[in-house]
Amino acid sequence: MVDLKPKTPMDGVVPITIGAMTLREVSVECLTSLAPYKGQTKAVSDALKVAHGMAFPAPNRATGKDGARAIWFGREQAVLLGPEPDAGLARLCAVTDQSDAWAVVELSGAAARDVLARLTPIDMRDSQFKRGHTARTDIMHVAGSITRIGVDSFLILVFRSMAQTLLHDLEKAMAGVASRG
């Protein structure tokens, strides 16, 4: 009998450091889609505050911190990264486990913003894309999400099936930025 073992989307290929930039996979216990029922956004936000210490995020924003973060994911939709969602949320919103569907990586380093500027149409300047800002966007030719989580740190989510494509594009951009330094 074959002994199958679960693998993460970037299993064995990250972390990668090029120049002063590092790409690492973020281990997420749970990744859950939250879509409030009509008129329930405030109630969902209140329930998230009580259960997980964060509000439902405003458009293009993220709330929470490492280990427990809510990220805006579209109109009246967010993803909860980290904790298993409180069971009470199910009466206020559609709760869907997405844990196996996404690859989650962190790009960090002084030139991380320059790397992403090569791959996405988002204005990555500090004055426009601040800590806690998030965007659903193209990352080269992959649909994804970028969230600024620190001065030089970005959380990137793409469909699991596109993990290797994202890796290829990020490595190429990291090498290009490092060669200019």
C-alpha atoms as a PDB file:
ATOM      1  CA  MET A   1       0.000   0.000   0.000  1.00  0.00           C
ATOM      2  CA  VAL A   2       1.222   3.495  -0.824  1.00  0.00           C
ATOM      3  CA  ASP A   3       1.794   5.753   2.157  1.00  0.00           C
ATOM      4  CA  LEU A   4       0.523   9.176   1.040  1.00  0.00           C
ATOM      5  CA  LYS A   5       1.784  12.224   2.895  1.00  0.00           C
ATOM      6  CA  PRO A   6       0.292  15.693   2.638  1.00  0.00           C
ATOM      7  CA  LYS A   7       2.467  18.359   1.040  1.00  0.00           C
ATOM      8  CA  THR A   8       2.188  22.110   1.101  1.00  0.00           C
ATOM      9  CA  PRO A   9       2.020  23.972  -2.223  1.00  0.00           C
ATOM     10  CA  MET A  10       5.668  25.098  -1.971  1.00  0.00           C
ATOM     11  CA  ASP A  11       6.950  21.984  -0.186  1.00  0.00           C
ATOM     12  CA  GLY A  12      10.702  21.659  -0.574  1.00  0.00           C
ATOM     13  CA  VAL A  13      11.241  24.673  -2.848  1.00  0.00           C
ATOM     14  CA  VAL A  14      11.180  27.579  -0.403  1.00  0.00           C
ATOM     15  CA  PRO A  15      12.578  29.444   1.432  1.00  0.00           C
ATOM     16  CA  ILE A  16      14.555  31.214  -1.253  1.00  0.00           C
ATOM     17  CA  THR A  17      16.859  34.144  -0.596  1.00  0.00           C
ATOM     18  CA  ILE A  18      18.141  36.277  -3.461  1.00  0.00           C
ATOM     19  CA  GLY A  19      20.062  39.399  -2.556  1.00  0.00           C
ATOM     20  CA  ALA A  20      18.404  40.914   0.499  1.00  0.00           C
ATOM     21  CA  MET A  21      14.983  39.410  -0.287  1.00  0.00           C
ATOM     22  CA  THR A  22      13.475  36.207   1.074  1.00  0.00           C
ATOM     23  CA  LEU A  23      10.474  34.238  -0.104  1.00  0.00           C
ATOM     24  CA  ARG A  24       9.025  31.774   2.387  1.00  0.00           C
ATOM     25  CA  GLU A  25       5.882  29.724   2.625  1.00  0.00           C
ATOM     26  CA  VAL A  26       3.462  30.720   5.364  1.00  0.00           C
ATOM     27  CA  SER A  27       1.983  27.804   7.251  1.00  0.00           C
ATOM     28  CA  VAL A  28      -1.702  28.481   7.765  1.00  0.00           C
ATOM     29  CA  GLU A  29      -3.695  26.244  10.097  1.00  0.00           C
ATOM     30  CA  CYS A  30      -6.932  27.223   8.418  1.00  0.00           C
ATOM     31  CA  LEU A  31      -7.999  29.522   5.562  1.00  0.00           C
ATOM     32  CA  THR A  32     -11.724  30.241   5.515  1.00  0.00           C
ATOM     33  CA  SER A  33     -13.900  32.318   3.203  1.00  0.00           C
ATOM     34  CA  LEU A  34     -16.433  34.516   5.016  1.00  0.00           C
ATOM     35  CA  ALA A  35     -19.338  36.019   3.046  1.00  0.00           C
ATOM     36  CA  PRO A  36     -21.834  37.871   5.270  1.00  0.00           C
ATOM     37  CA  TYR A  37     -25.510  37.303   4.610  1.00  0.00           C
ATOM     38  CA  LYS A  38     -27.441  40.362   3.444  1.00  0.00           C
ATOM     39  CA  GLY A  39     -27.346  43.046   6.131  1.00  0.00           C
ATOM     40  CA  GLN A  40     -25.084  41.032   8.450  1.00  0.00           C
ATOM     41  CA  THR A  41     -21.663  42.631   7.796  1.00  0.00           C
ATOM     42  CA  LYS A  42     -21.635  44.597  11.064  1.00  0.00           C
ATOM     43  CA  ALA A  43     -22.790  41.551  13.022  1.00  0.00           C
ATOM     44  CA  VAL A  44     -20.039  39.455  11.393  1.00  0.00           C
ATOM     45  CA  SER A  45     -17.503  42.150  12.274  1.00  0.00           C
ATOM     46  CA  ASP A  46     -18.701  42.223  15.894  1.00  0.00           C
ATOM     47  CA  ALA A  47     -18.565  38.408  16.105  1.00  0.00           C
ATOM     48  CA  LEU A  48     -15.045  38.364  14.621  1.00  0.00           C
ATOM     49  CA  LYS A  49     -13.924  40.935  17.218  1.00  0.00           C
ATOM     50  CA  VAL A  50     -15.254  38.839  20.082  1.00  0.00           C
ATOM     51  CA  ALA A  51     -14.068  35.457  18.784  1.00  0.00           C
ATOM     52  CA  HIS A  52     -10.816  36.365  17.047  1.00  0.00           C
ATOM     53  CA  GLY A  53      -9.856  39.908  18.088  1.00  0.00           C
ATOM     54  CA  MET A  54     -10.270  41.524  14.663  1.00  0.00           C
ATOM     55  CA  ALA A  55     -12.963  43.299  12.674  1.00  0.00           C
ATOM     56  CA  PHE A  56     -14.326  42.304   9.276  1.00  0.00           C
ATOM     57  CA  PRO A  57     -12.000  44.204   6.920  1.00  0.00           C
ATOM     58  CA  ALA A  58     -13.049  47.242   4.921  1.00  0.00           C
ATOM     59  CA  PRO A  59     -12.494  47.098   1.149  1.00  0.00           C
ATOM     60  CA  ASN A  60      -8.807  46.779   0.259  1.00  0.00           C
ATOM     61  CA  ARG A  61      -7.787  46.345   3.892  1.00  0.00           C
ATOM     62  CA  ALA A  62      -6.696  43.588   6.260  1.00  0.00           C
ATOM     63  CA  THR A  63      -7.188  43.316  10.013  1.00  0.00           C
ATOM     64  CA  GLY A  64      -5.510  41.206  12.670  1.00  0.00           C
ATOM     65  CA  LYS A  65      -1.874  40.167  12.876  1.00  0.00           C
ATOM     66  CA  ASP A  66       0.440  37.223  12.244  1.00  0.00           C
ATOM     67  CA  GLY A  67      -1.318  33.996  13.098  1.00  0.00           C
ATOM     68  CA  ALA A  68      -4.825  35.491  12.878  1.00  0.00           C
ATOM     69  CA  ARG A  69      -5.641  37.797  10.008  1.00  0.00           C
ATOM     70  CA  ALA A  70      -8.807  38.743   8.066  1.00  0.00           C
ATOM     71  CA  ILE A  71      -8.158  39.897   4.497  1.00  0.00           C
ATOM     72  CA  TRP A  72     -10.665  41.629   2.208  1.00  0.00           C
ATOM     73  CA  PHE A  73     -11.205  39.335  -0.758  1.00  0.00           C
ATOM     74  CA  GLY A  74     -13.907  41.101  -2.748  1.00  0.00           C
ATOM     75  CA  ARG A  75     -17.253  42.784  -2.301  1.00  0.00           C
ATOM     76  CA  GLU A  76     -18.712  41.616   1.019  1.00  0.00           C
ATOM     77  CA  GLN A  77     -16.143  38.830   1.241  1.00  0.00           C
ATOM     78  CA  ALA A  78     -13.044  38.171   3.333  1.00  0.00           C
ATOM     79  CA  VAL A  79     -10.750  35.289   4.167  1.00  0.00           C
ATOM     80  CA  LEU A  80      -9.786  34.391   7.700  1.00  0.00           C
ATOM     81  CA  LEU A  81      -6.198  33.129   7.876  1.00  0.00           C
ATOM     82  CA  GLY A  82      -4.993  31.221  10.892  1.00  0.00           C
ATOM     83  CA  PRO A  83      -7.614  30.222  13.396  1.00  0.00           C
ATOM     84  CA  GLU A  84     -10.501  27.883  12.793  1.00  0.00           C
ATOM     85  CA  PRO A  85     -13.538  30.170  12.552  1.00  0.00           C
ATOM     86  CA  ASP A  86     -15.829  30.446  15.530  1.00  0.00           C
ATOM     87  CA  ALA A  87     -18.888  28.216  14.992  1.00  0.00           C
ATOM     88  CA  GLY A  88     -21.229  31.166  15.669  1.00  0.00           C
ATOM     89  CA  LEU A  89     -20.151  32.859  12.454  1.00  0.00           C
ATOM     90  CA  ALA A  90     -22.109  30.297  10.414  1.00  0.00           C
ATOM     91  CA  ARG A  91     -25.428  31.870  11.422  1.00  0.00           C
ATOM     92  CA  LEU A  92     -24.258  35.282  10.128  1.00  0.00           C
ATOM     93  CA  CYS A  93     -22.318  34.414   7.000  1.00  0.00           C
ATOM     94  CA  ALA A  94     -21.416  31.694   4.537  1.00  0.00           C
ATOM     95  CA  VAL A  95     -18.336  29.977   5.961  1.00  0.00           C
ATOM     96  CA  THR A  96     -16.294  27.913   3.499  1.00  0.00           C
ATOM     97  CA  ASP A  97     -13.051  26.093   4.235  1.00  0.00           C
ATOM     98  CA  GLN A  98     -10.480  27.035   1.585  1.00  0.00           C
ATOM     99  CA  SER A  99      -7.401  25.664   3.367  1.00  0.00           C
ATOM    100  CA  ASP A 100      -6.242  23.336   0.592  1.00  0.00           C
ATOM    101  CA  ALA A 101      -7.109  25.703  -2.256  1.00  0.00           C
ATOM    102  CA  TRP A 102      -4.518  28.448  -1.751  1.00  0.00           C
ATOM    103  CA  ALA A 103      -0.752  28.858  -1.610  1.00  0.00           C
ATOM    104  CA  VAL A 104       0.366  31.482   0.916  1.00  0.00           C
ATOM    105  CA  VAL A 105       3.847  33.019   0.789  1.00  0.00           C
ATOM    106  CA  GLU A 106       5.605  35.992   2.337  1.00  0.00           C
ATOM    107  CA  LEU A 107       8.034  38.127   0.374  1.00  0.00           C
ATOM    108  CA  SER A 108      10.255  40.235   2.601  1.00  0.00           C
ATOM    109  CA  GLY A 109      13.317  42.392   2.331  1.00  0.00           C
ATOM    110  CA  ALA A 110      14.255  45.970   1.510  1.00  0.00           C
ATOM    111  CA  ALA A 111      13.544  45.501  -2.213  1.00  0.00           C
ATOM    112  CA  ALA A 112      10.360  43.401  -1.896  1.00  0.00           C
ATOM    113  CA  ARG A 113       8.251  46.349  -3.063  1.00  0.00           C
ATOM    114  CA  ASP A 114      10.446  46.688  -6.176  1.00  0.00           C
ATOM    115  CA  VAL A 115       9.988  42.990  -6.954  1.00  0.00           C
ATOM    116  CA  LEU A 116       6.215  43.271  -6.761  1.00  0.00           C
ATOM    117  CA  ALA A 117       6.249  46.466  -8.827  1.00  0.00           C
ATOM    118  CA  ARG A 118       7.661  44.360 -11.683  1.00  0.00           C
ATOM    119  CA  LEU A 119       4.824  41.848 -11.448  1.00  0.00           C
ATOM    120  CA  THR A 120       1.628  43.735 -10.669  1.00  0.00           C
ATOM    121  CA  PRO A 121      -0.182  46.856 -11.897  1.00  0.00           C
ATOM    122  CA  ILE A 122      -0.791  47.943  -8.276  1.00  0.00           C
ATOM    123  CA  ASP A 123       0.967  51.146  -7.185  1.00  0.00           C
ATOM    124  CA  MET A 124       3.329  49.642  -4.598  1.00  0.00           C
ATOM    125  CA  ARG A 125       4.792  52.943  -3.372  1.00  0.00           C
ATOM    126  CA  ASP A 126       4.804  53.345   0.409  1.00  0.00           C
ATOM    127  CA  SER A 127       2.495  56.358   0.155  1.00  0.00           C
ATOM    128  CA  GLN A 128      -0.143  54.374  -1.770  1.00  0.00           C
ATOM    129  CA  PHE A 129       0.070  50.787  -0.490  1.00  0.00           C
ATOM    130  CA  LYS A 130       0.532  51.036   3.259  1.00  0.00           C
ATOM    131  CA  ARG A 131       0.697  48.403   5.982  1.00  0.00           C
ATOM    132  CA  GLY A 132      -2.714  46.736   6.220  1.00  0.00           C
ATOM    133  CA  HIS A 133      -3.601  47.500   2.598  1.00  0.00           C
ATOM    134  CA  THR A 134      -4.590  44.602   0.373  1.00  0.00           C
ATOM    135  CA  ALA A 135      -5.569  44.097  -3.258  1.00  0.00           C
ATOM    136  CA  ARG A 136      -6.942  41.344  -5.440  1.00  0.00           C
ATOM    137  CA  THR A 137      -4.830  41.701  -8.552  1.00  0.00           C
ATOM    138  CA  ASP A 138      -2.816  40.074 -11.294  1.00  0.00           C
ATOM    139  CA  ILE A 139       0.633  38.939 -10.238  1.00  0.00           C
ATOM    140  CA  MET A 140       2.332  38.646 -13.611  1.00  0.00           C
ATOM    141  CA  HIS A 141      -0.220  36.341 -15.246  1.00  0.00           C
ATOM    142  CA  VAL A 142      -1.661  34.780 -12.096  1.00  0.00           C
ATOM    143  CA  ALA A 143      -4.733  36.037 -10.224  1.00  0.00           C
ATOM    144  CA  GLY A 144      -3.963  36.567  -6.565  1.00  0.00           C
ATOM    145  CA  SER A 145      -4.004  38.737  -3.488  1.00  0.00           C
ATOM    146  CA  ILE A 146      -1.240  40.946  -2.085  1.00  0.00           C
ATOM    147  CA  THR A 147      -1.351  42.315   1.476  1.00  0.00           C
ATOM    148  CA  ARG A 148       1.265  44.550   3.041  1.00  0.00           C
ATOM    149  CA  ILE A 149       1.980  43.127   6.491  1.00  0.00           C
ATOM    150  CA  GLY A 150       5.096  45.092   7.423  1.00  0.00           C
ATOM    151  CA  VAL A 151       7.495  47.805   6.302  1.00  0.00           C
ATOM    152  CA  ASP A 152       9.209  45.408   3.871  1.00  0.00           C
ATOM    153  CA  SER A 153       6.874  42.393   4.032  1.00  0.00           C
ATOM    154  CA  PHE A 154       4.032  41.263   1.806  1.00  0.00           C
ATOM    155  CA  LEU A 155       1.665  38.316   2.088  1.00  0.00           C
ATOM    156  CA  ILE A 156       0.775  36.802  -1.287  1.00  0.00           C
ATOM    157  CA  LEU A 157      -2.042  34.330  -1.944  1.00  0.00           C
ATOM    158  CA  VAL A 158      -2.627  32.479  -5.216  1.00  0.00           C
ATOM    159  CA  PHE A 159      -4.586  29.387  -6.134  1.00  0.00           C
ATOM    160  CA  ARG A 160      -2.624  26.304  -5.138  1.00  0.00           C
ATOM    161  CA  SER A 161      -2.524  25.179  -8.774  1.00  0.00           C
ATOM    162  CA  MET A 162      -0.569  28.353  -9.632  1.00  0.00           C
ATOM    163  CA  ALA A 163       2.026  28.072  -6.849  1.00  0.00           C
ATOM    164  CA  GLN A 164       4.894  27.001  -9.114  1.00  0.00           C
ATOM    165  CA  THR A 165       4.064  29.721 -11.660  1.00  0.00           C
ATOM    166  CA  LEU A 166       4.123  32.321  -8.886  1.00  0.00           C
ATOM    167  CA  LEU A 167       7.417  30.923  -7.639  1.00  0.00           C
ATOM    168  CA  HIS A 168       8.946  31.158 -11.126  1.00  0.00           C
ATOM    169  CA  ASP A 169       7.760  34.750 -11.610  1.00  0.00           C
ATOM    170  CA  LEU A 170       8.899  35.872  -8.153  1.00  0.00           C
ATOM    171  CA  GLU A 171      12.332  34.233  -8.491  1.00  0.00           C
ATOM    172  CA  LYS A 172      12.895  35.892 -11.864  1.00  0.00           C
ATOM    173  CA  ALA A 173      11.850  39.309 -10.539  1.00  0.00           C
ATOM    174  CA  MET A 174      13.929  38.877  -7.365  1.00  0.00           C
ATOM    175  CA  ALA A 175      17.017  38.039  -9.442  1.00  0.00           C
ATOM    176  CA  GLY A 176      16.394  41.045 -11.698  1.00  0.00           C
ATOM    177  CA  VAL A 177      16.046  43.450  -8.776  1.00  0.00           C
ATOM    178  CA  ALA A 178      19.093  41.956  -6.996  1.00  0.00           C
ATOM    179  CA  SER A 179      21.236  42.333 -10.139  1.00  0.00           C
ATOM    180  CA  ARG A 180      20.545  46.081 -10.164  1.00  0.00           C
ATOM    181  CA  GLY A 181      21.651  46.512  -6.541  1.00  0.00           C
END
